[in-house]
Amino acid sequence: MSDAFGSPAPDAAVYVISVAAELTGLHPQTLRTYERMGLITPGRTGGGGRRYSFHDIEKLRSIAELTSSGIGIEGVRRILALEQHVDALRRRNEELLHELAATREALAQARAAAPEPRTSSRLPAIPQTPPGQAIVVWRRQHG
């Protein structure tokens, strides 16, 4: 898969091990070792050859930077896991922000469609919150 300019997609496994080694400044044997340790999982060709993606290259560069600064492999493994967790939390936060915006829009439409404004409306009031601040929405369970 490639973009509009013919460049491979960031997750496309296209770089052979020698190119990946050159791009990262690591020895090919180091790349194989990192794979055995589970730090990296390159794609494979039908014949079993390793193929690395741009994301793999970036991850290998991060690993090299961390190890050269004195962090051990287990520390690197933990840092990579925490970075993945942070990325997942960021994605979830974006999803929730979109859901909140859609909820606010639906509420605004419901209020606009209401026949007359009432002071004791059953529709919840959702205030606008500045970015970076949290809002809690309580849903009443009927049953």
Protein backbone atom coordinates (compact mmCIF):
# COMPACT_ATOMS: atom_id res chain seq x y z
CA MET A 1 0.00 0.00 0.00
CA SER A 2 1.34 3.46 -0.82
CA ASP A 3 0.31 7.07 -0.47
CA ALA A 4 -0.58 9.51 -3.26
CA PHE A 5 3.13 10.14 -3.90
CA GLY A 6 4.04 6.45 -4.26
CA SER A 7 5.70 6.20 -0.84
CA PRO A 8 4.93 3.05 1.13
CA ALA A 9 2.45 3.32 4.00
CA PRO A 10 4.11 3.59 7.45
CA ASP A 11 3.00 0.05 8.33
CA ALA A 12 3.98 -1.50 5.00
CA ALA A 13 6.76 -4.04 5.53
CA VAL A 14 9.10 -3.13 2.67
CA TYR A 15 12.67 -2.79 4.00
CA VAL A 16 14.98 -5.81 3.90
CA ILE A 17 17.14 -6.42 6.97
CA SER A 18 20.28 -4.86 5.45
CA VAL A 19 18.42 -1.63 4.66
CA ALA A 20 16.76 -1.59 8.09
CA ALA A 21 20.18 -2.07 9.70
CA GLU A 22 21.64 0.79 7.68
CA LEU A 23 18.70 3.11 8.42
CA THR A 24 18.93 2.43 12.17
CA GLY A 25 22.68 2.21 12.55
CA LEU A 26 22.32 -1.26 14.06
CA HIS A 27 23.94 -4.51 12.97
CA PRO A 28 21.61 -7.01 11.26
CA GLN A 29 22.38 -9.52 14.02
CA THR A 30 21.14 -6.96 16.58
CA LEU A 31 17.86 -6.72 14.66
CA ARG A 32 17.53 -10.51 14.77
CA THR A 33 18.29 -10.48 18.51
CA TYR A 34 15.64 -7.82 19.15
CA GLU A 35 13.18 -9.94 17.21
CA ARG A 36 14.00 -13.04 19.30
CA MET A 37 13.50 -10.93 22.44
CA GLY A 38 10.08 -9.85 21.19
CA LEU A 39 10.97 -6.15 20.96
CA ILE A 40 10.21 -6.01 17.24
CA THR A 41 8.15 -8.18 14.90
CA PRO A 42 9.04 -7.60 11.26
CA GLY A 43 6.84 -8.85 8.47
CA ARG A 44 7.86 -11.92 6.50
CA THR A 45 7.99 -12.74 2.82
CA GLY A 46 6.67 -16.03 1.49
CA GLY A 47 10.22 -17.36 1.65
CA GLY A 48 10.66 -16.26 5.27
CA GLY A 49 12.75 -13.13 4.67
CA ARG A 50 12.30 -10.29 7.13
CA ARG A 51 10.67 -7.06 5.96
CA TYR A 52 10.60 -3.97 8.15
CA SER A 53 8.13 -1.08 7.99
CA PHE A 54 8.78 2.60 8.62
CA HIS A 55 7.19 2.13 12.06
CA ASP A 56 9.57 -0.77 12.71
CA ILE A 57 12.52 1.46 11.75
CA GLU A 58 11.31 4.20 14.11
CA LYS A 59 10.87 1.66 16.92
CA LEU A 60 14.37 0.27 16.31
CA ARG A 61 15.79 3.81 16.46
CA SER A 62 14.02 4.34 19.79
CA ILE A 63 15.40 1.06 21.13
CA ALA A 64 18.91 2.02 20.00
CA GLU A 65 18.60 5.44 21.65
CA LEU A 66 17.37 3.95 24.92
CA THR A 67 20.03 1.24 25.08
CA SER A 68 22.81 3.68 24.19
CA SER A 69 21.71 5.86 27.10
CA GLY A 70 22.27 2.94 29.47
CA ILE A 71 18.78 1.48 29.76
CA GLY A 72 18.70 -2.32 29.86
CA ILE A 73 16.55 -4.47 27.60
CA GLU A 74 13.91 -5.07 30.29
CA GLY A 75 13.73 -1.32 30.87
CA VAL A 76 13.36 -0.78 27.12
CA ARG A 77 10.62 -3.43 27.02
CA ARG A 78 8.75 -1.64 29.84
CA ILE A 79 9.16 1.80 28.22
CA LEU A 80 7.83 0.48 24.90
CA ALA A 81 4.85 -1.10 26.66
CA LEU A 82 4.10 2.16 28.47
CA GLU A 83 4.36 4.12 25.22
CA GLN A 84 1.86 1.74 23.59
CA HIS A 85 -0.45 2.18 26.57
CA VAL A 86 -0.22 5.98 26.35
CA ASP A 87 -0.98 5.83 22.61
CA ALA A 88 -4.04 3.66 23.29
CA LEU A 89 -5.22 6.09 25.97
CA ARG A 90 -4.77 9.02 23.58
CA ARG A 91 -6.84 7.24 20.92
CA ARG A 92 -9.56 6.44 23.48
CA ASN A 93 -9.56 10.04 24.67
CA GLU A 94 -10.08 11.22 21.08
CA GLU A 95 -12.97 8.78 20.68
CA LEU A 96 -14.57 10.05 23.88
CA LEU A 97 -14.14 13.68 22.82
CA HIS A 98 -15.90 12.90 19.52
CA GLU A 99 -18.65 11.06 21.39
CA LEU A 100 -19.07 14.01 23.75
CA ALA A 101 -19.30 16.43 20.83
CA ALA A 102 -21.94 14.23 19.17
CA THR A 103 -23.86 14.01 22.44
CA ARG A 104 -23.79 17.79 22.82
CA GLU A 105 -25.01 18.20 19.25
CA ALA A 106 -27.84 15.71 19.79
CA LEU A 107 -28.80 17.49 22.99
CA ALA A 108 -28.81 20.87 21.24
CA GLN A 109 -31.03 19.44 18.50
CA ALA A 110 -33.36 17.90 21.09
CA ARG A 111 -33.61 21.22 22.92
CA ALA A 112 -34.26 23.08 19.67
CA ALA A 113 -37.02 20.62 18.77
CA ALA A 114 -38.69 20.93 22.20
CA PRO A 115 -42.04 22.77 21.95
CA GLU A 116 -41.28 25.24 24.73
CA PRO A 117 -38.44 25.78 27.14
CA ARG A 118 -39.19 24.46 30.61
CA THR A 119 -37.32 25.18 33.76
CA SER A 120 -37.70 21.58 34.88
CA SER A 121 -36.49 20.02 31.63
CA ARG A 122 -35.60 16.35 31.84
CA LEU A 123 -32.74 16.95 29.40
CA PRO A 124 -29.38 17.14 31.16
CA ALA A 125 -27.33 20.28 31.13
CA ILE A 126 -23.88 19.66 29.67
CA PRO A 127 -21.65 22.69 30.10
CA GLN A 128 -18.91 23.53 27.63
CA THR A 129 -15.60 22.52 29.15
CA PRO A 130 -12.22 23.92 28.20
CA PRO A 131 -9.80 21.47 26.51
CA GLY A 132 -7.91 19.37 29.02
CA GLN A 133 -10.67 19.45 31.62
CA ALA A 134 -12.90 16.50 32.37
CA ILE A 135 -16.66 16.18 32.42
CA VAL A 136 -18.61 13.37 34.04
CA VAL A 137 -21.92 12.30 32.54
CA TRP A 138 -24.17 10.25 34.81
CA ARG A 139 -26.74 8.02 33.21
CA ARG A 140 -29.71 6.99 35.26
CA GLN A 141 -30.47 3.26 35.11
CA HIS A 142 -34.14 2.50 34.55
CA GLY A 143 -35.39 -0.78 35.81
